[in-house]
Amino acid sequence: MTERIGRRRLLIAAAAGVGALLAPTTAHAARRDPAQPGGQDPVRVLEQAARPLRSTEPGSDTADLRPLGAMIGDAKVVGLGEATHGSHEFFAMKERVFRYLVEEKGFTTFALEMSWPAGLRLDEYVQSGRGDARQVVKEALGGSPWEREEFLHLIEWMRDHNRRHPGHRVHFMGDDIGYPRVGDDLFERVTGYVRRHHPDLLPRFTELYAGLRPLDDGAAYLRRPLPERQRLAADAQQAFGLLEAQRDAEGDEFTWTVQHARFLARTATFLACDLEDAAAIPAAMVYRDRVMAETVAWWHRHTGHRMLLSAHNGHVAYVPDDPETHPKAQGGFLREALGNGYVPIGFSFGQGSFLAQDKSLVGPWKKFTVGAADPGTSEYTLDRVRRTDYFLDIRTAPAEARAWLDSARPRRSIGTEYPCPLTDVPIGPSFDVLIHLHHVREADKLR
């Protein structure tokens, strides 16, 4: 029961915009690896598949990433995870990989486990350069684990790229219905369109959105009675359906406005879940991941962009860290939508520090440190493979290595809350590619 309560508290935190959800819920003791076929040492066979990673820092020579590019192939969406929500190397590596994919593979969108309006705000800066980048990041990502210098660096690079390459512009988008700090601007994008093109419908839209706009304080919104939240969700859904039914011929403006209204309806629906009912948590978890996947798929279909999707390991994976209370992950939905056009890459690490929140899930993100992994854990074996950081293609690994990767053993998956127990889902069925870093440090606070 206490494990379910912990999961429920994290989901409420995600809905309120306090923190991103992803923390395993079942504790496991470390144990020895199962015997390998033919008595093979897993370190030796994993070494055969490992490719050296020279650096996680963006701007360095990318020759070592060429094998990773071959592993990605013609994928339309690449999910790049993180084993913690607050380690410098994970964040820096995302920029390094994205820059490589933009420059060598034609990728054009960076998608983040953040809300749709936050993505719009960041993309406006990336396209126009108006305003101060640091202030824009604070406004769009404030309070999240991504309000860090590393993401400011990424945004600044994206803006500079667009200035230098106007014919190959990159974009930023948010795909999440967590962190629902929706200011009045997004509502105005919908009602403004209705005012210009369907003025007779404006009174009805004003009425339907009256109790919902703005939605900039998720915690306060969740304190409203459940029946009220359910009524407001029905109103938002009705507004979306009413707009979609117009089937306007105005083109792109209509398509984007429908997407804005869709996000408002889905966010209200998510916030209308009874998060105090443990039995309702799995459905809420699946809804959130399904919506994130559908938003990414919509963007890809509408723009034609190849995309890097940044989220926690447990969201980009084919299978979730905790199947009991999180039955299906975003990566599973994306595989269904895109087939082999979706490639998930997971992260693991040997030791180091990261940022998380304590059990209260309030206040600042704090630094935590973990030492070398215990024998019997996945990280213990992965950390012995080679001295340099490395990556490997799980799909083409030797049979003995694949057998080890497909076997369940404890591994780290650190989300918003720490301490948290290890998870026991095998690596092999979760990802196509794995990146292992020997040491990580906490991400840099945005100054």
Protein backbone atom coordinates (compact mmCIF):
# COMPACT_ATOMS: atom_id res chain seq x y z
CA MET A 1 0.00 0.00 0.00
CA THR A 2 2.81 2.42 0.79
CA GLU A 3 4.30 1.81 -2.66
CA ARG A 4 1.00 2.73 -4.32
CA ILE A 5 0.72 5.81 -2.14
CA GLY A 6 4.19 6.86 -3.29
CA ARG A 7 3.20 6.45 -6.92
CA ARG A 8 -0.02 8.39 -6.35
CA ARG A 9 1.87 11.23 -4.70
CA LEU A 10 4.23 11.45 -7.66
CA LEU A 11 1.39 11.49 -10.16
CA ILE A 12 -0.33 14.26 -8.25
CA ALA A 13 2.96 16.15 -8.26
CA ALA A 14 3.25 15.76 -12.02
CA ALA A 15 -0.32 16.92 -12.54
CA ALA A 16 0.23 19.91 -10.29
CA GLY A 17 3.42 20.88 -12.08
CA VAL A 18 5.58 20.22 -9.01
CA GLY A 19 7.76 17.61 -10.67
CA ALA A 20 8.00 15.14 -13.51
CA LEU A 21 6.74 11.64 -12.85
CA LEU A 22 9.04 8.69 -13.08
CA ALA A 23 10.14 6.66 -10.11
CA PRO A 24 10.05 2.89 -9.78
CA THR A 25 7.85 1.56 -7.03
CA THR A 26 9.09 -1.90 -6.17
CA ALA A 27 12.21 -2.48 -4.09
CA HIS A 28 14.61 -5.25 -5.10
CA ALA A 29 17.72 -6.60 -3.47
CA ALA A 30 20.84 -6.94 -5.60
CA ARG A 31 21.61 -10.47 -6.72
CA ARG A 32 24.18 -12.24 -8.83
CA ASP A 33 23.78 -12.31 -12.59
CA PRO A 34 22.35 -15.55 -13.97
CA ALA A 35 24.86 -17.85 -15.60
CA GLN A 36 25.56 -16.94 -19.19
CA PRO A 37 25.08 -19.46 -22.00
CA GLY A 38 28.19 -21.54 -22.40
CA GLY A 39 29.62 -20.00 -19.25
CA GLN A 40 30.42 -16.73 -21.01
CA ASP A 41 31.44 -13.75 -18.92
CA PRO A 42 28.85 -10.99 -19.63
CA VAL A 43 31.59 -8.36 -19.47
CA ARG A 44 33.54 -10.03 -22.27
CA VAL A 45 30.57 -10.47 -24.58
CA LEU A 46 29.24 -6.97 -23.89
CA GLU A 47 32.69 -5.63 -24.75
CA GLN A 48 32.27 -7.06 -28.26
CA ALA A 49 29.21 -4.86 -28.82
CA ALA A 50 30.45 -1.68 -27.08
CA ARG A 51 31.53 1.32 -29.13
CA PRO A 52 33.62 4.02 -27.40
CA LEU A 53 32.09 7.39 -26.60
CA ARG A 54 34.79 10.04 -26.47
CA SER A 55 32.76 12.80 -24.85
CA THR A 56 29.31 13.83 -23.73
CA GLU A 57 30.04 17.53 -24.30
CA PRO A 58 28.53 19.25 -27.35
CA GLY A 59 30.90 20.86 -29.78
CA SER A 60 33.50 18.10 -29.75
CA ASP A 61 34.50 16.03 -32.78
CA THR A 62 31.59 13.78 -33.73
CA ALA A 63 33.52 10.96 -35.40
CA ASP A 64 32.71 8.68 -32.46
CA LEU A 65 28.98 9.28 -33.04
CA ARG A 66 29.00 7.85 -36.56
CA PRO A 67 28.33 4.30 -35.35
CA LEU A 68 25.44 5.71 -33.30
CA GLY A 69 24.15 7.39 -36.44
CA ALA A 70 24.26 4.02 -38.21
CA MET A 71 22.28 2.47 -35.33
CA ILE A 72 19.65 5.21 -35.67
CA GLY A 73 19.49 4.64 -39.41
CA ASP A 74 16.39 6.12 -41.08
CA ALA A 75 14.40 6.51 -37.85
CA LYS A 76 11.87 9.33 -37.86
CA VAL A 77 11.82 9.76 -34.09
CA VAL A 78 14.69 8.94 -31.73
CA GLY A 79 13.81 8.72 -28.03
CA LEU A 80 16.80 9.69 -25.90
CA GLY A 81 16.25 8.92 -22.23
CA GLU A 82 17.89 9.88 -18.97
CA ALA A 83 18.48 7.68 -15.93
CA THR A 84 18.01 10.72 -13.66
CA HIS A 85 16.19 13.99 -14.17
CA GLY A 86 19.17 16.07 -13.13
CA SER A 87 22.62 14.98 -14.32
CA HIS A 88 24.87 17.18 -16.44
CA GLU A 89 26.15 14.45 -18.73
CA PHE A 90 22.68 13.26 -19.75
CA PHE A 91 21.60 16.79 -20.61
CA ALA A 92 24.85 17.68 -22.38
CA MET A 93 24.78 14.45 -24.38
CA LYS A 94 21.28 15.27 -25.60
CA GLU A 95 22.55 18.48 -27.13
CA ARG A 96 25.57 16.69 -28.60
CA VAL A 97 23.42 13.99 -30.19
CA PHE A 98 20.82 16.48 -31.41
CA ARG A 99 23.47 18.65 -33.05
CA TYR A 100 24.92 15.60 -34.77
CA LEU A 101 21.47 14.51 -35.97
CA VAL A 102 20.69 18.00 -37.25
CA GLU A 103 23.99 18.40 -39.08
CA GLU A 104 24.44 14.86 -40.37
CA LYS A 105 20.97 13.27 -40.51
CA GLY A 106 18.61 16.15 -41.27
CA PHE A 107 16.74 16.21 -37.96
CA THR A 108 14.84 19.42 -37.25
CA THR A 109 12.89 19.12 -33.96
CA PHE A 110 13.91 18.70 -30.34
CA ALA A 111 10.93 17.46 -28.30
CA LEU A 112 10.92 17.56 -24.51
CA GLU A 113 8.87 15.98 -21.75
CA MET A 114 7.38 19.42 -21.05
CA SER A 115 4.03 21.05 -21.74
CA TRP A 116 2.86 22.11 -25.20
CA PRO A 117 2.69 25.85 -24.31
CA ALA A 118 6.21 25.73 -22.84
CA GLY A 119 7.41 24.28 -26.13
CA LEU A 120 5.63 27.01 -28.07
CA ARG A 121 7.29 29.69 -25.96
CA LEU A 122 10.75 28.21 -26.45
CA ASP A 123 10.21 27.69 -30.16
CA GLU A 124 9.16 31.31 -30.59
CA TYR A 125 12.54 32.34 -29.24
CA VAL A 126 14.39 29.75 -31.32
CA GLN A 127 12.71 31.07 -34.46
CA SER A 128 12.78 34.82 -33.80
CA GLY A 129 15.49 35.50 -31.22
CA ARG A 130 13.19 38.02 -29.55
CA GLY A 131 13.78 38.44 -25.84
CA ASP A 132 16.48 37.15 -23.52
CA ALA A 133 17.21 33.44 -23.78
CA ARG A 134 17.86 33.03 -20.07
CA GLN A 135 14.58 34.69 -19.16
CA VAL A 136 12.67 32.66 -21.71
CA VAL A 137 14.07 29.40 -20.30
CA LYS A 138 13.15 30.50 -16.77
CA GLU A 139 9.62 31.29 -17.86
CA ALA A 140 9.09 28.13 -19.90
CA LEU A 141 10.97 25.58 -17.78
CA GLY A 142 10.86 27.20 -14.34
CA GLY A 143 10.43 24.76 -11.48
CA SER A 144 11.23 21.76 -13.68
CA PRO A 145 14.42 19.68 -13.62
CA TRP A 146 15.28 21.17 -17.03
CA GLU A 147 15.58 24.73 -15.73
CA ARG A 148 19.35 24.31 -16.05
CA GLU A 149 22.32 25.88 -17.77
CA GLU A 150 22.57 22.83 -20.02
CA PHE A 151 19.15 23.50 -21.55
CA LEU A 152 19.90 27.20 -21.89
CA HIS A 153 22.99 26.18 -23.86
CA LEU A 154 20.85 23.97 -26.09
CA ILE A 155 18.31 26.75 -26.73
CA GLU A 156 21.06 29.23 -27.53
CA TRP A 157 22.65 26.79 -29.99
CA MET A 158 19.28 26.20 -31.67
CA ARG A 159 18.73 29.93 -32.08
CA ASP A 160 22.22 30.42 -33.45
CA HIS A 161 21.75 27.52 -35.87
CA ASN A 162 18.59 29.12 -37.25
CA ARG A 163 20.35 32.43 -37.66
CA ARG A 164 23.16 30.76 -39.59
CA HIS A 165 21.02 28.29 -41.53
CA PRO A 166 17.64 29.90 -42.35
CA GLY A 167 16.98 27.19 -44.91
CA HIS A 168 17.39 24.37 -42.38
CA ARG A 169 15.61 25.62 -39.30
CA VAL A 170 15.28 23.62 -36.09
CA HIS A 171 12.30 23.67 -33.76
CA PHE A 172 11.51 23.02 -30.11
CA MET A 173 8.29 21.36 -28.99
CA GLY A 174 6.74 20.12 -25.73
CA ASP A 175 4.67 16.94 -25.72
CA ASP A 176 3.54 16.54 -22.10
CA ILE A 177 0.29 17.27 -20.28
CA GLY A 178 2.14 17.34 -16.99
CA TYR A 179 3.45 20.74 -15.83
CA PRO A 180 0.15 22.28 -16.98
CA ARG A 181 1.03 25.91 -16.34
CA VAL A 182 -1.13 27.13 -19.19
CA GLY A 183 -1.33 30.91 -19.23
CA ASP A 184 -4.09 32.84 -20.93
CA ASP A 185 -2.07 33.04 -24.14
CA LEU A 186 -2.91 29.51 -25.28
CA PHE A 187 -6.62 30.04 -24.66
CA GLU A 188 -6.38 33.28 -26.61
CA ARG A 189 -4.83 31.46 -29.57
CA VAL A 190 -8.04 29.43 -29.76
CA THR A 191 -10.58 32.14 -28.95
CA GLY A 192 -8.73 34.64 -31.11
CA TYR A 193 -9.03 32.32 -34.08
CA VAL A 194 -12.73 31.80 -33.37
CA ARG A 195 -13.21 35.57 -33.06
CA ARG A 196 -11.66 36.14 -36.49
CA HIS A 197 -13.22 33.25 -38.39
CA HIS A 198 -16.34 32.15 -36.48
CA PRO A 199 -17.48 35.14 -34.40
CA ASP A 200 -20.92 33.61 -33.91
CA LEU A 201 -19.28 30.81 -31.91
CA LEU A 202 -17.19 33.08 -29.68
CA PRO A 203 -19.78 33.39 -26.87
CA ARG A 204 -19.94 29.60 -26.63
CA PHE A 205 -16.14 29.21 -26.50
CA THR A 206 -15.93 31.96 -23.90
CA GLU A 207 -18.49 30.12 -21.79
CA LEU A 208 -16.81 26.72 -22.17
CA TYR A 209 -13.36 28.03 -21.20
CA ALA A 210 -14.57 30.37 -18.44
CA GLY A 211 -13.85 28.09 -15.50
CA LEU A 212 -10.60 26.74 -16.90
CA ARG A 213 -8.61 29.76 -18.08
CA PRO A 214 -5.91 30.41 -17.13
CA LEU A 215 -4.49 27.11 -15.89
CA ASP A 216 -1.21 28.37 -14.46
CA ASP A 217 -1.36 26.77 -10.99
CA GLY A 218 -1.84 23.02 -11.21
CA ALA A 219 -1.68 22.54 -7.45
CA ALA A 220 -4.50 25.00 -6.85
CA TYR A 221 -6.53 23.50 -9.67
CA LEU A 222 -6.28 20.01 -8.16
CA ARG A 223 -7.75 21.32 -4.92
CA ARG A 224 -11.02 21.91 -6.73
CA PRO A 225 -13.68 19.23 -6.15
CA LEU A 226 -13.44 16.28 -8.51
CA PRO A 227 -16.94 16.82 -10.01
CA GLU A 228 -15.99 20.40 -10.88
CA ARG A 229 -12.79 19.26 -12.59
CA GLN A 230 -14.72 16.63 -14.50
CA ARG A 231 -17.25 19.24 -15.66
CA LEU A 232 -14.48 21.57 -16.81
CA ALA A 233 -12.82 18.70 -18.67
CA ALA A 234 -16.11 17.99 -20.46
CA ASP A 235 -16.35 21.70 -21.37
CA ALA A 236 -12.81 21.73 -22.77
CA GLN A 237 -13.53 18.57 -24.75
CA GLN A 238 -16.71 20.13 -26.12
CA ALA A 239 -14.79 23.24 -27.20
CA PHE A 240 -12.26 21.06 -28.99
CA GLY A 241 -14.98 19.08 -30.75
CA LEU A 242 -16.81 22.23 -31.76
CA LEU A 243 -13.69 23.74 -33.32
CA GLU A 244 -12.65 20.53 -35.05
CA ALA A 245 -16.12 20.20 -36.57
CA GLN A 246 -15.71 23.46 -38.49
CA ARG A 247 -13.27 21.78 -40.91
CA ASP A 248 -12.06 25.17 -42.08
CA ALA A 249 -10.29 25.67 -45.36
CA GLU A 250 -7.97 28.33 -43.97
CA GLY A 251 -5.21 25.72 -43.81
CA ASP A 252 -2.30 25.68 -41.42
CA GLU A 253 -3.69 28.22 -38.98
CA PHE A 254 -6.78 26.08 -38.44
CA THR A 255 -4.72 22.90 -38.01
CA TRP A 256 -2.53 24.48 -35.34
CA THR A 257 -5.51 26.02 -33.54
CA VAL A 258 -7.20 22.63 -33.39
CA GLN A 259 -4.01 21.22 -31.89
CA HIS A 260 -4.02 23.96 -29.22
CA ALA A 261 -7.63 23.14 -28.36
CA ARG A 262 -6.79 19.43 -28.31
CA PHE A 263 -4.01 20.07 -25.78
CA LEU A 264 -6.37 22.07 -23.54
CA ALA A 265 -8.95 19.28 -23.64
CA ARG A 266 -6.41 16.57 -22.90
CA THR A 267 -4.81 18.51 -20.07
CA ALA A 268 -8.19 19.13 -18.46
CA THR A 269 -9.03 15.43 -18.89
CA PHE A 270 -5.79 14.41 -17.18
CA LEU A 271 -6.45 16.80 -14.30
CA ALA A 272 -9.95 15.35 -13.95
CA CYS A 273 -8.55 11.92 -13.06
CA ASP A 274 -9.24 10.89 -9.48
CA LEU A 275 -5.61 10.87 -8.40
CA GLU A 276 -6.59 10.08 -4.82
CA ASP A 277 -7.89 6.68 -5.95
CA ALA A 278 -5.06 4.16 -6.24
CA ALA A 279 -7.12 2.06 -8.64
CA ALA A 280 -7.31 5.00 -11.07
CA ILE A 281 -3.54 5.54 -11.24
CA PRO A 282 -2.69 3.00 -13.99
CA ALA A 283 -5.26 4.50 -16.36
CA ALA A 284 -3.98 8.02 -15.65
CA MET A 285 -0.40 6.92 -16.28
CA VAL A 286 -1.30 5.26 -19.58
CA TYR A 287 -3.37 8.29 -20.66
CA ARG A 288 -0.47 10.64 -20.06
CA ASP A 289 2.02 8.51 -22.02
CA ARG A 290 -0.46 7.88 -24.82
CA VAL A 291 -1.11 11.61 -25.21
CA MET A 292 2.63 12.36 -25.24
CA ALA A 293 3.15 9.78 -27.97
CA GLU A 294 0.21 11.04 -30.02
CA THR A 295 1.50 14.60 -29.76
CA VAL A 296 4.93 13.57 -31.04
CA ALA A 297 3.35 11.53 -33.84
CA TRP A 298 1.08 14.47 -34.76
CA TRP A 299 4.06 16.82 -34.99
CA HIS A 300 5.97 14.37 -37.19
CA ARG A 301 3.01 13.83 -39.51
CA HIS A 302 2.15 17.52 -39.73
CA THR A 303 5.67 18.89 -40.20
CA GLY A 304 7.50 15.94 -41.71
CA HIS A 305 10.33 16.61 -39.26
CA ARG A 306 12.68 13.97 -37.96
CA MET A 307 12.72 14.39 -34.19
CA LEU A 308 14.81 13.80 -31.09
CA LEU A 309 12.49 13.07 -28.17
CA SER A 310 13.99 13.85 -24.76
CA ALA A 311 12.37 12.25 -21.72
CA HIS A 312 13.11 9.96 -18.82
CA ASN A 313 14.20 6.41 -19.65
CA GLY A 314 10.84 5.12 -18.47
CA HIS A 315 8.94 7.26 -20.97
CA VAL A 316 11.05 6.65 -24.10
CA ALA A 317 11.30 2.89 -23.42
CA TYR A 318 9.16 0.29 -25.13
CA VAL A 319 8.11 -1.02 -21.73
CA PRO A 320 7.64 0.96 -18.49
CA ASP A 321 9.75 0.61 -15.36
CA ASP A 322 6.72 -0.39 -13.29
CA PRO A 323 4.24 -2.36 -15.42
CA GLU A 324 1.85 -2.84 -12.50
CA THR A 325 0.97 0.82 -12.06
CA HIS A 326 2.34 2.14 -15.38
CA PRO A 327 1.09 -0.51 -17.83
CA LYS A 328 2.28 1.11 -21.07
CA ALA A 329 4.98 3.67 -21.83
CA GLN A 330 5.20 6.41 -24.43
CA GLY A 331 7.80 4.40 -26.34
CA GLY A 332 5.37 1.50 -26.71
CA PHE A 333 2.76 3.78 -28.23
CA LEU A 334 5.35 5.31 -30.57
CA ARG A 335 6.44 1.88 -31.79
CA GLU A 336 2.81 1.13 -32.63
CA ALA A 337 2.45 4.45 -34.46
CA LEU A 338 5.80 4.55 -36.26
CA GLY A 339 7.01 0.96 -36.35
CA ASN A 340 10.75 0.80 -36.96
CA GLY A 341 10.63 4.55 -37.48
CA TYR A 342 10.96 4.88 -33.71
CA VAL A 343 14.28 4.07 -32.00
CA PRO A 344 14.64 4.42 -28.20
CA ILE A 345 18.05 4.99 -26.60
CA GLY A 346 18.41 4.44 -22.85
CA PHE A 347 21.05 5.72 -20.42
CA SER A 348 22.74 4.02 -17.48
CA PHE A 349 25.50 5.21 -15.18
CA GLY A 350 27.96 3.77 -12.69
CA GLN A 351 28.09 6.43 -10.00
CA GLY A 352 27.85 10.15 -9.37
CA SER A 353 25.42 12.90 -8.44
CA PHE A 354 22.12 14.20 -9.72
CA LEU A 355 19.22 16.45 -8.78
CA ALA A 356 15.92 15.24 -7.35
CA GLN A 357 13.34 16.17 -4.76
CA ASP A 358 13.02 14.54 -1.38
CA LYS A 359 9.94 12.70 -0.19
CA SER A 360 8.05 15.94 0.38
CA LEU A 361 8.16 16.75 -3.36
CA VAL A 362 8.25 20.44 -2.51
CA GLY A 363 11.01 23.00 -2.54
CA PRO A 364 14.14 23.06 -4.69
CA TRP A 365 15.73 20.18 -6.53
CA LYS A 366 18.56 18.93 -4.33
CA LYS A 367 21.87 17.23 -5.01
CA PHE A 368 22.10 13.52 -4.21
CA THR A 369 25.09 11.23 -4.73
CA VAL A 370 25.32 7.48 -5.24
CA GLY A 371 28.48 5.38 -5.14
CA ALA A 372 29.51 2.45 -7.26
CA ALA A 373 26.71 0.05 -8.08
CA ASP A 374 26.28 -3.09 -5.99
CA PRO A 375 27.17 -6.52 -7.40
CA GLY A 376 24.17 -8.12 -9.05
CA THR A 377 22.82 -4.88 -10.48
CA SER A 378 22.89 -4.07 -14.17
CA GLU A 379 25.12 -1.06 -13.57
CA TYR A 380 27.72 -3.15 -11.76
CA THR A 381 28.32 -5.28 -14.84
CA LEU A 382 27.94 -2.45 -17.35
CA ASP A 383 30.50 -0.37 -15.46
CA ARG A 384 33.10 -3.15 -15.86
CA VAL A 385 32.81 -3.36 -19.65
CA ARG A 386 35.43 -0.78 -20.60
CA ARG A 387 37.21 2.22 -19.13
CA THR A 388 35.70 4.74 -21.53
CA ASP A 389 32.03 5.61 -21.74
CA TYR A 390 30.37 3.63 -24.50
CA PHE A 391 27.19 2.73 -26.35
CA LEU A 392 25.96 -0.48 -27.89
CA ASP A 393 23.24 -1.66 -30.22
CA ILE A 394 21.12 -4.13 -28.27
CA ARG A 395 19.50 -5.45 -31.46
CA THR A 396 22.78 -6.60 -33.02
CA ALA A 397 24.69 -7.55 -29.88
CA PRO A 398 26.14 -11.09 -29.72
CA ALA A 399 23.65 -13.71 -28.58
CA GLU A 400 25.33 -14.08 -25.19
CA ALA A 401 25.25 -10.32 -24.60
CA ARG A 402 21.61 -10.18 -25.67
CA ALA A 403 20.79 -12.99 -23.23
CA TRP A 404 22.29 -10.94 -20.41
CA LEU A 405 20.51 -7.76 -21.52
CA ASP A 406 17.20 -9.61 -21.74
CA SER A 407 17.45 -10.93 -18.17
CA ALA A 408 15.79 -8.98 -15.35
CA ARG A 409 18.04 -7.66 -12.61
CA PRO A 410 17.95 -4.52 -10.46
CA ARG A 411 18.87 -1.25 -12.17
CA ARG A 412 18.58 2.45 -11.40
CA SER A 413 15.74 4.60 -12.66
CA ILE A 414 15.71 7.84 -10.69
CA GLY A 415 12.93 10.31 -11.33
CA THR A 416 11.52 13.17 -9.31
CA GLU A 417 11.69 11.55 -5.88
CA TYR A 418 14.81 10.27 -4.16
CA PRO A 419 15.56 7.97 -2.41
CA CYS A 420 13.71 5.52 -4.61
CA PRO A 421 14.06 1.76 -5.02
CA LEU A 422 15.63 -0.02 -7.96
CA THR A 423 13.55 -1.32 -10.82
CA ASP A 424 13.66 -4.88 -12.10
CA VAL A 425 12.73 -4.56 -15.78
CA PRO A 426 15.37 -5.95 -18.19
CA ILE A 427 17.26 -3.57 -20.46
CA GLY A 428 16.92 -5.54 -23.69
CA PRO A 429 13.14 -5.32 -24.19
CA SER A 430 13.18 -1.63 -23.21
CA PHE A 431 15.59 -0.03 -25.68
CA ASP A 432 17.23 -0.51 -29.06
CA VAL A 433 20.45 1.22 -27.99
CA LEU A 434 22.09 1.74 -24.59
CA ILE A 435 24.57 4.45 -23.59
CA HIS A 436 26.56 3.79 -20.42
CA LEU A 437 28.45 6.52 -18.57
CA HIS A 438 30.82 5.66 -15.77
CA HIS A 439 30.37 8.89 -13.83
CA VAL A 440 27.85 11.73 -13.80
CA ARG A 441 27.50 14.95 -11.83
CA GLU A 442 24.53 17.15 -10.98
CA ALA A 443 23.24 19.52 -13.65
CA ASP A 444 24.14 23.21 -13.36
CA LYS A 445 21.66 25.56 -11.73
CA LEU A 446 20.37 28.24 -14.07
CA ARG A 447 21.96 31.47 -12.95
